[in-house]
Amino acid sequence: MKAIEATMGYRLSKWASVLKAWKESGLNIKRYCNSVGIFEHQYYYWQKKLREAVCEKMEGSRPTMTCLSSSSFMEVNISPLQLAFRQ
């Protein structure tokens, strides 16, 4: 089981780099995928997998909040993996 988790971790890391490179390229997704030689459906598949992984990780660390007034602020820590999803 550990080998499968390690493989998935490697793949997620690789595709997080691809998504980050797309964001930095300034190209639309279709043009970026063509320029780097990946299929557009691969891009979207791994984008979904990365989002799911981030959501799973956040579920365990989500603080419980009962009420926030309009003047309240909460610190939010964002990992580099999460930044890859900003579009």
PDB file of N, CA and C in Angstrom:
ATOM      1  N   MET A   1       0.814  -1.195   0.000  1.00  0.00           N
ATOM      2  CA  MET A   1       0.000   0.000   0.000  1.00  0.00           C
ATOM      3  C   MET A   1       0.858   1.260   0.000  1.00  0.00           C
ATOM      4  N   LYS A   2       1.965   1.238   0.695  1.00  0.00           N
ATOM      5  CA  LYS A   2       2.843   2.412   0.761  1.00  0.00           C
ATOM      6  C   LYS A   2       3.401   2.780  -0.613  1.00  0.00           C
ATOM      7  N   ALA A   3       3.686   1.779  -1.440  1.00  0.00           N
ATOM      8  CA  ALA A   3       4.202   2.052  -2.786  1.00  0.00           C
ATOM      9  C   ALA A   3       3.166   2.792  -3.613  1.00  0.00           C
ATOM     10  N   ILE A   4       1.916   2.422  -3.475  1.00  0.00           N
ATOM     11  CA  ILE A   4       0.841   3.092  -4.214  1.00  0.00           C
ATOM     12  C   ILE A   4       0.719   4.540  -3.760  1.00  0.00           C
ATOM     13  N   GLU A   5       0.777   4.759  -2.448  1.00  0.00           N
ATOM     14  CA  GLU A   5       0.698   6.124  -1.919  1.00  0.00           C
ATOM     15  C   GLU A   5       1.885   6.966  -2.379  1.00  0.00           C
ATOM     16  N   ALA A   6       3.062   6.380  -2.402  1.00  0.00           N
ATOM     17  CA  ALA A   6       4.260   7.101  -2.855  1.00  0.00           C
ATOM     18  C   ALA A   6       4.143   7.467  -4.333  1.00  0.00           C
ATOM     19  N   THR A   7       3.650   6.510  -5.131  1.00  0.00           N
ATOM     20  CA  THR A   7       3.473   6.765  -6.563  1.00  0.00           C
ATOM     21  C   THR A   7       2.478   7.887  -6.793  1.00  0.00           C
ATOM     22  N   MET A   8       1.357   7.844  -6.076  1.00  0.00           N
ATOM     23  CA  MET A   8       0.343   8.890  -6.231  1.00  0.00           C
ATOM     24  C   MET A   8       0.900  10.236  -5.777  1.00  0.00           C
ATOM     25  N   GLY A   9       1.656  10.242  -4.691  1.00  0.00           N
ATOM     26  CA  GLY A   9       2.273  11.486  -4.224  1.00  0.00           C
ATOM     27  C   GLY A   9       3.215  12.072  -5.258  1.00  0.00           C
ATOM     28  N   TYR A  10       3.994  11.215  -5.896  1.00  0.00           N
ATOM     29  CA  TYR A  10       4.911  11.667  -6.946  1.00  0.00           C
ATOM     30  C   TYR A  10       4.130  12.263  -8.108  1.00  0.00           C
ATOM     31  N   ARG A  11       3.092  11.556  -8.531  1.00  0.00           N
ATOM     32  CA  ARG A  11       2.288  12.040  -9.667  1.00  0.00           C
ATOM     33  C   ARG A  11       1.597  13.359  -9.336  1.00  0.00           C
ATOM     34  N   LEU A  12       1.056  13.456  -8.137  1.00  0.00           N
ATOM     35  CA  LEU A  12       0.403  14.707  -7.742  1.00  0.00           C
ATOM     36  C   LEU A  12       1.399  15.858  -7.737  1.00  0.00           C
ATOM     37  N   SER A  13       2.594  15.601  -7.254  1.00  0.00           N
ATOM     38  CA  SER A  13       3.634  16.626  -7.236  1.00  0.00           C
ATOM     39  C   SER A  13       4.010  17.054  -8.655  1.00  0.00           C
ATOM     40  N   LYS A  14       4.162  16.077  -9.534  1.00  0.00           N
ATOM     41  CA  LYS A  14       4.503  16.363 -10.931  1.00  0.00           C
ATOM     42  C   LYS A  14       3.426  17.223 -11.587  1.00  0.00           C
ATOM     43  N   TRP A  15       2.169  16.840 -11.395  1.00  0.00           N
ATOM     44  CA  TRP A  15       1.084  17.569 -12.039  1.00  0.00           C
ATOM     45  C   TRP A  15       0.829  18.918 -11.374  1.00  0.00           C
ATOM     46  N   ALA A  16       1.144  19.057 -10.100  1.00  0.00           N
ATOM     47  CA  ALA A  16       1.046  20.372  -9.462  1.00  0.00           C
ATOM     48  C   ALA A  16       2.015  21.337 -10.148  1.00  0.00           C
ATOM     49  N   SER A  17       3.191  20.830 -10.518  1.00  0.00           N
ATOM     50  CA  SER A  17       4.168  21.647 -11.245  1.00  0.00           C
ATOM     51  C   SER A  17       3.649  22.024 -12.623  1.00  0.00           C
ATOM     52  N   VAL A  18       2.971  21.088 -13.279  1.00  0.00           N
ATOM     53  CA  VAL A  18       2.401  21.359 -14.609  1.00  0.00           C
ATOM     54  C   VAL A  18       1.338  22.445 -14.503  1.00  0.00           C
ATOM     55  N   LEU A  19       0.447  22.327 -13.517  1.00  0.00           N
ATOM     56  CA  LEU A  19      -0.598  23.332 -13.355  1.00  0.00           C
ATOM     57  C   LEU A  19      -0.024  24.698 -13.009  1.00  0.00           C
ATOM     58  N   LYS A  20       1.006  24.707 -12.184  1.00  0.00           N
ATOM     59  CA  LYS A  20       1.659  25.975 -11.839  1.00  0.00           C
ATOM     60  C   LYS A  20       2.321  26.593 -13.075  1.00  0.00           C
ATOM     61  N   ALA A  21       2.970  25.766 -13.877  1.00  0.00           N
ATOM     62  CA  ALA A  21       3.614  26.262 -15.096  1.00  0.00           C
ATOM     63  C   ALA A  21       2.576  26.816 -16.066  1.00  0.00           C
ATOM     64  N   TRP A  22       1.411  26.166 -16.132  1.00  0.00           N
ATOM     65  CA  TRP A  22       0.344  26.696 -16.990  1.00  0.00           C
ATOM     66  C   TRP A  22      -0.047  28.085 -16.517  1.00  0.00           C
ATOM     67  N   LYS A  23      -0.262  28.237 -15.208  1.00  0.00           N
ATOM     68  CA  LYS A  23      -0.693  29.527 -14.673  1.00  0.00           C
ATOM     69  C   LYS A  23       0.330  30.612 -14.992  1.00  0.00           C
ATOM     70  N   GLU A  24       1.594  30.280 -14.868  1.00  0.00           N
ATOM     71  CA  GLU A  24       2.651  31.257 -15.129  1.00  0.00           C
ATOM     72  C   GLU A  24       2.831  31.548 -16.614  1.00  0.00           C
ATOM     73  N   SER A  25       2.369  30.638 -17.473  1.00  0.00           N
ATOM     74  CA  SER A  25       2.568  30.802 -18.915  1.00  0.00           C
ATOM     75  C   SER A  25       1.704  31.904 -19.516  1.00  0.00           C
ATOM     76  N   GLY A  26       0.552  32.151 -18.919  1.00  0.00           N
ATOM     77  CA  GLY A  26      -0.352  33.152 -19.474  1.00  0.00           C
ATOM     78  C   GLY A  26      -1.181  32.642 -20.643  1.00  0.00           C
ATOM     79  N   LEU A  27      -0.975  31.395 -21.037  1.00  0.00           N
ATOM     80  CA  LEU A  27      -1.730  30.799 -22.140  1.00  0.00           C
ATOM     81  C   LEU A  27      -3.040  30.222 -21.634  1.00  0.00           C
ATOM     82  N   ASN A  28      -4.001  30.046 -22.572  1.00  0.00           N
ATOM     83  CA  ASN A  28      -5.176  29.306 -22.153  1.00  0.00           C
ATOM     84  C   ASN A  28      -4.799  27.827 -22.066  1.00  0.00           C
ATOM     85  N   ILE A  29      -5.640  27.037 -21.441  1.00  0.00           N
ATOM     86  CA  ILE A  29      -5.295  25.644 -21.168  1.00  0.00           C
ATOM     87  C   ILE A  29      -5.045  24.858 -22.449  1.00  0.00           C
ATOM     88  N   LYS A  30      -5.872  25.047 -23.437  1.00  0.00           N
ATOM     89  CA  LYS A  30      -5.718  24.301 -24.692  1.00  0.00           C
ATOM     90  C   LYS A  30      -4.365  24.589 -25.345  1.00  0.00           C
ATOM     91  N   ARG A  31      -3.997  25.849 -25.432  1.00  0.00           N
ATOM     92  CA  ARG A  31      -2.710  26.208 -26.050  1.00  0.00           C
ATOM     93  C   ARG A  31      -1.529  25.727 -25.220  1.00  0.00           C
ATOM     94  N   TYR A  32      -1.654  25.839 -23.905  1.00  0.00           N
ATOM     95  CA  TYR A  32      -0.570  25.372 -23.043  1.00  0.00           C
ATOM     96  C   TYR A  32      -0.357  23.872 -23.233  1.00  0.00           C
ATOM     97  N   CYS A  33      -1.432  23.111 -23.192  1.00  0.00           N
ATOM     98  CA  CYS A  33      -1.318  21.655 -23.350  1.00  0.00           C
ATOM     99  C   CYS A  33      -0.675  21.300 -24.686  1.00  0.00           C
ATOM    100  N   ASN A  34      -1.078  21.975 -25.741  1.00  0.00           N
ATOM    101  CA  ASN A  34      -0.462  21.724 -27.054  1.00  0.00           C
ATOM    102  C   ASN A  34       1.019  22.077 -27.048  1.00  0.00           C
ATOM    103  N   SER A  35       1.382  23.145 -26.350  1.00  0.00           N
ATOM    104  CA  SER A  35       2.777  23.587 -26.368  1.00  0.00           C
ATOM    105  C   SER A  35       3.706  22.652 -25.596  1.00  0.00           C
ATOM    106  N   VAL A  36       3.170  21.973 -24.567  1.00  0.00           N
ATOM    107  CA  VAL A  36       4.015  21.078 -23.776  1.00  0.00           C
ATOM    108  C   VAL A  36       3.796  19.605 -24.104  1.00  0.00           C
ATOM    109  N   GLY A  37       2.895  19.327 -25.033  1.00  0.00           N
ATOM    110  CA  GLY A  37       2.702  17.952 -25.492  1.00  0.00           C
ATOM    111  C   GLY A  37       1.908  17.050 -24.567  1.00  0.00           C
ATOM    112  N   ILE A  38       0.930  17.632 -23.862  1.00  0.00           N
ATOM    113  CA  ILE A  38       0.037  16.788 -23.071  1.00  0.00           C
ATOM    114  C   ILE A  38      -1.381  16.947 -23.603  1.00  0.00           C
ATOM    115  N   PHE A  39      -2.199  15.946 -23.359  1.00  0.00           N
ATOM    116  CA  PHE A  39      -3.586  16.018 -23.792  1.00  0.00           C
ATOM    117  C   PHE A  39      -4.380  16.862 -22.805  1.00  0.00           C
ATOM    118  N   GLU A  40      -5.318  17.619 -23.344  1.00  0.00           N
ATOM    119  CA  GLU A  40      -6.124  18.497 -22.506  1.00  0.00           C
ATOM    120  C   GLU A  40      -6.908  17.693 -21.457  1.00  0.00           C
ATOM    121  N   HIS A  41      -7.391  16.507 -21.821  1.00  0.00           N
ATOM    122  CA  HIS A  41      -8.145  15.701 -20.860  1.00  0.00           C
ATOM    123  C   HIS A  41      -7.249  15.228 -19.710  1.00  0.00           C
ATOM    124  N   GLN A  42      -5.956  15.038 -19.971  1.00  0.00           N
ATOM    125  CA  GLN A  42      -5.022  14.687 -18.891  1.00  0.00           C
ATOM    126  C   GLN A  42      -4.916  15.845 -17.899  1.00  0.00           C
ATOM    127  N   TYR A  43      -4.809  17.044 -18.440  1.00  0.00           N
ATOM    128  CA  TYR A  43      -4.712  18.233 -17.600  1.00  0.00           C
ATOM    129  C   TYR A  43      -5.903  18.311 -16.656  1.00  0.00           C
ATOM    130  N   TYR A  44      -7.104  18.185 -17.215  1.00  0.00           N
ATOM    131  CA  TYR A  44      -8.307  18.298 -16.388  1.00  0.00           C
ATOM    132  C   TYR A  44      -8.444  17.140 -15.402  1.00  0.00           C
ATOM    133  N   TYR A  45      -8.032  15.948 -15.787  1.00  0.00           N
ATOM    134  CA  TYR A  45      -8.076  14.796 -14.898  1.00  0.00           C
ATOM    135  C   TYR A  45      -7.212  15.053 -13.661  1.00  0.00           C
ATOM    136  N   TRP A  46      -5.975  15.499 -13.898  1.00  0.00           N
ATOM    137  CA  TRP A  46      -5.057  15.720 -12.780  1.00  0.00           C
ATOM    138  C   TRP A  46      -5.413  16.965 -11.992  1.00  0.00           C
ATOM    139  N   GLN A  47      -6.007  17.949 -12.614  1.00  0.00           N
ATOM    140  CA  GLN A  47      -6.486  19.118 -11.892  1.00  0.00           C
ATOM    141  C   GLN A  47      -7.551  18.670 -10.878  1.00  0.00           C
ATOM    142  N   LYS A  48      -8.454  17.798 -11.326  1.00  0.00           N
ATOM    143  CA  LYS A  48      -9.482  17.278 -10.429  1.00  0.00           C
ATOM    144  C   LYS A  48      -8.862  16.468  -9.294  1.00  0.00           C
ATOM    145  N   LYS A  49      -7.894  15.605  -9.615  1.00  0.00           N
ATOM    146  CA  LYS A  49      -7.241  14.789  -8.595  1.00  0.00           C
ATOM    147  C   LYS A  49      -6.534  15.668  -7.556  1.00  0.00           C
ATOM    148  N   LEU A  50      -5.855  16.711  -8.006  1.00  0.00           N
ATOM    149  CA  LEU A  50      -5.168  17.620  -7.092  1.00  0.00           C
ATOM    150  C   LEU A  50      -6.159  18.346  -6.186  1.00  0.00           C
ATOM    151  N   ARG A  51      -7.260  18.792  -6.749  1.00  0.00           N
ATOM    152  CA  ARG A  51      -8.274  19.467  -5.937  1.00  0.00           C
ATOM    153  C   ARG A  51      -8.832  18.522  -4.880  1.00  0.00           C
ATOM    154  N   GLU A  52      -9.099  17.284  -5.276  1.00  0.00           N
ATOM    155  CA  GLU A  52      -9.601  16.300  -4.324  1.00  0.00           C
ATOM    156  C   GLU A  52      -8.596  16.060  -3.198  1.00  0.00           C
ATOM    157  N   ALA A  53      -7.314  15.970  -3.556  1.00  0.00           N
ATOM    158  CA  ALA A  53      -6.275  15.738  -2.553  1.00  0.00           C
ATOM    159  C   ALA A  53      -6.195  16.904  -1.574  1.00  0.00           C
ATOM    160  N   VAL A  54      -6.293  18.118  -2.077  1.00  0.00           N
ATOM    161  CA  VAL A  54      -6.250  19.297  -1.210  1.00  0.00           C
ATOM    162  C   VAL A  54      -7.472  19.318  -0.300  1.00  0.00           C
ATOM    163  N   CYS A  55      -8.634  19.003  -0.843  1.00  0.00           N
ATOM    164  CA  CYS A  55      -9.856  18.992  -0.030  1.00  0.00           C
ATOM    165  C   CYS A  55      -9.767  17.942   1.070  1.00  0.00           C
ATOM    166  N   GLU A  56      -9.253  16.765   0.738  1.00  0.00           N
ATOM    167  CA  GLU A  56      -9.100  15.712   1.746  1.00  0.00           C
ATOM    168  C   GLU A  56      -8.154  16.158   2.861  1.00  0.00           C
ATOM    169  N   LYS A  57      -7.077  16.801   2.460  1.00  0.00           N
ATOM    170  CA  LYS A  57      -6.108  17.267   3.458  1.00  0.00           C
ATOM    171  C   LYS A  57      -6.718  18.349   4.343  1.00  0.00           C
ATOM    172  N   MET A  58      -7.506  19.219   3.752  1.00  0.00           N
ATOM    173  CA  MET A  58      -8.108  20.313   4.502  1.00  0.00           C
ATOM    174  C   MET A  58      -9.221  19.837   5.423  1.00  0.00           C
ATOM    175  N   GLU A  59      -9.899  18.757   5.078  1.00  0.00           N
ATOM    176  CA  GLU A  59     -10.986  18.259   5.918  1.00  0.00           C
ATOM    177  C   GLU A  59     -10.505  17.943   7.330  1.00  0.00           C
ATOM    178  N   GLY A  60      -9.329  17.368   7.435  1.00  0.00           N
ATOM    179  CA  GLY A  60      -8.796  17.009   8.735  1.00  0.00           C
ATOM    180  C   GLY A  60      -8.311  18.182   9.551  1.00  0.00           C
ATOM    181  N   SER A  61      -8.023  19.306   8.905  1.00  0.00           N
ATOM    182  CA  SER A  61      -7.454  20.443   9.628  1.00  0.00           C
ATOM    183  C   SER A  61      -8.377  21.660   9.652  1.00  0.00           C
ATOM    184  N   ARG A  62      -9.609  21.485   9.229  1.00  0.00           N
ATOM    185  CA  ARG A  62     -10.539  22.613   9.180  1.00  0.00           C
ATOM    186  C   ARG A  62     -10.971  23.016  10.593  1.00  0.00           C
ATOM    187  N   PRO A  63     -10.776  24.268  10.963  1.00  0.00           N
ATOM    188  CA  PRO A  63     -11.198  24.697  12.298  1.00  0.00           C
ATOM    189  C   PRO A  63     -12.725  24.777  12.379  1.00  0.00           C
ATOM    190  N   THR A  64     -13.254  24.548  13.564  1.00  0.00           N
ATOM    191  CA  THR A  64     -14.690  24.651  13.772  1.00  0.00           C
ATOM    192  C   THR A  64     -15.011  26.085  14.160  1.00  0.00           C
ATOM    193  N   MET A  65     -15.910  26.701  13.406  1.00  0.00           N
ATOM    194  CA  MET A  65     -16.307  28.072  13.699  1.00  0.00           C
ATOM    195  C   MET A  65     -17.819  28.102  13.882  1.00  0.00           C
ATOM    196  N   THR A  66     -18.260  28.728  14.932  1.00  0.00           N
ATOM    197  CA  THR A  66     -19.692  28.817  15.148  1.00  0.00           C
ATOM    198  C   THR A  66     -20.241  30.129  14.603  1.00  0.00           C
ATOM    199  N   CYS A  67     -19.499  31.195  14.759  1.00  0.00           N
ATOM    200  CA  CYS A  67     -19.998  32.489  14.295  1.00  0.00           C
ATOM    201  C   CYS A  67     -18.834  33.454  14.116  1.00  0.00           C
ATOM    202  N   LEU A  68     -18.869  34.189  13.038  1.00  0.00           N
ATOM    203  CA  LEU A  68     -17.899  35.259  12.816  1.00  0.00           C
ATOM    204  C   LEU A  68     -18.667  36.527  12.521  1.00  0.00           C
ATOM    205  N   SER A  69     -18.324  37.599  13.186  1.00  0.00           N
ATOM    206  CA  SER A  69     -18.962  38.871  12.864  1.00  0.00           C
ATOM    207  C   SER A  69     -18.310  39.433  11.608  1.00  0.00           C
ATOM    208  N   SER A  70     -18.891  40.433  11.030  1.00  0.00           N
ATOM    209  CA  SER A  70     -18.367  41.012   9.791  1.00  0.00           C
ATOM    210  C   SER A  70     -17.000  41.663   9.998  1.00  0.00           C
ATOM    211  N   SER A  71     -16.643  41.969  11.246  1.00  0.00           N
ATOM    212  CA  SER A  71     -15.348  42.594  11.507  1.00  0.00           C
ATOM    213  C   SER A  71     -14.285  41.585  11.936  1.00  0.00           C
ATOM    214  N   SER A  72     -14.615  40.286  11.936  1.00  0.00           N
ATOM    215  CA  SER A  72     -13.664  39.263  12.345  1.00  0.00           C
ATOM    216  C   SER A  72     -12.829  38.797  11.164  1.00  0.00           C
ATOM    217  N   PHE A  73     -11.602  38.423  11.474  1.00  0.00           N
ATOM    218  CA  PHE A  73     -10.708  37.888  10.466  1.00  0.00           C
ATOM    219  C   PHE A  73     -10.157  36.567  10.960  1.00  0.00           C
ATOM    220  N   MET A  74      -9.830  35.690  10.025  1.00  0.00           N
ATOM    221  CA  MET A  74      -9.232  34.420  10.375  1.00  0.00           C
ATOM    222  C   MET A  74      -8.034  34.202   9.467  1.00  0.00           C
ATOM    223  N   GLU A  75      -6.908  33.823  10.044  1.00  0.00           N
ATOM    224  CA  GLU A  75      -5.719  33.546   9.268  1.00  0.00           C
ATOM    225  C   GLU A  75      -5.920  32.251   8.494  1.00  0.00           C
ATOM    226  N   VAL A  76      -5.571  32.278   7.191  1.00  0.00           N
ATOM    227  CA  VAL A  76      -5.691  31.102   6.339  1.00  0.00           C
ATOM    228  C   VAL A  76      -4.323  30.818   5.753  1.00  0.00           C
ATOM    229  N   ASN A  77      -3.799  29.629   6.025  1.00  0.00           N
ATOM    230  CA  ASN A  77      -2.515  29.226   5.471  1.00  0.00           C
ATOM    231  C   ASN A  77      -2.757  28.486   4.167  1.00  0.00           C
ATOM    232  N   ILE A  78      -2.069  28.912   3.111  1.00  0.00           N
ATOM    233  CA  ILE A  78      -2.237  28.303   1.791  1.00  0.00           C
ATOM    234  C   ILE A  78      -0.908  27.692   1.368  1.00  0.00           C
ATOM    235  N   SER A  79      -0.980  26.421   1.001  1.00  0.00           N
ATOM    236  CA  SER A  79       0.231  25.721   0.565  1.00  0.00           C
ATOM    237  C   SER A  79       0.493  26.007  -0.908  1.00  0.00           C
ATOM    238  N   PRO A  80       1.720  25.767  -1.396  1.00  0.00           N
ATOM    239  CA  PRO A  80       2.021  25.942  -2.816  1.00  0.00           C
ATOM    240  C   PRO A  80       1.127  25.076  -3.707  1.00  0.00           C
ATOM    241  N   LEU A  81       0.720  23.920  -3.216  1.00  0.00           N
ATOM    242  CA  LEU A  81      -0.160  23.043  -3.981  1.00  0.00           C
ATOM    243  C   LEU A  81      -1.504  23.715  -4.186  1.00  0.00           C
ATOM    244  N   GLN A  82      -2.012  24.380  -3.162  1.00  0.00           N
ATOM    245  CA  GLN A  82      -3.279  25.067  -3.295  1.00  0.00           C
ATOM    246  C   GLN A  82      -3.179  26.260  -4.247  1.00  0.00           C
ATOM    247  N   LEU A  83      -2.043  26.905  -4.267  1.00  0.00           N
ATOM    248  CA  LEU A  83      -1.852  28.040  -5.178  1.00  0.00           C
ATOM    249  C   LEU A  83      -1.912  27.607  -6.627  1.00  0.00           C
ATOM    250  N   ALA A  84      -1.576  26.371  -6.896  1.00  0.00           N
ATOM    251  CA  ALA A  84      -1.611  25.867  -8.271  1.00  0.00           C
ATOM    252  C   ALA A  84      -3.023  25.855  -8.825  1.00  0.00           C
ATOM    253  N   PHE A  85      -4.043  25.907  -7.947  1.00  0.00           N
ATOM    254  CA  PHE A  85      -5.415  25.842  -8.395  1.00  0.00           C
ATOM    255  C   PHE A  85      -6.034  27.196  -8.670  1.00  0.00           C
ATOM    256  N   ARG A  86      -5.333  28.248  -8.335  1.00  0.00           N
ATOM    257  CA  ARG A  86      -5.885  29.574  -8.575  1.00  0.00           C
ATOM    258  C   ARG A  86      -5.922  29.824 -10.063  1.00  0.00           C
ATOM    259  N   GLN A  87      -7.067  30.215 -10.549  1.00  0.00           N
ATOM    260  CA  GLN A  87      -7.226  30.461 -12.000  1.00  0.00           C
ATOM    261  C   GLN A  87      -7.709  31.859 -12.248  1.00  0.00           C
TER     262      GLN A  87
END
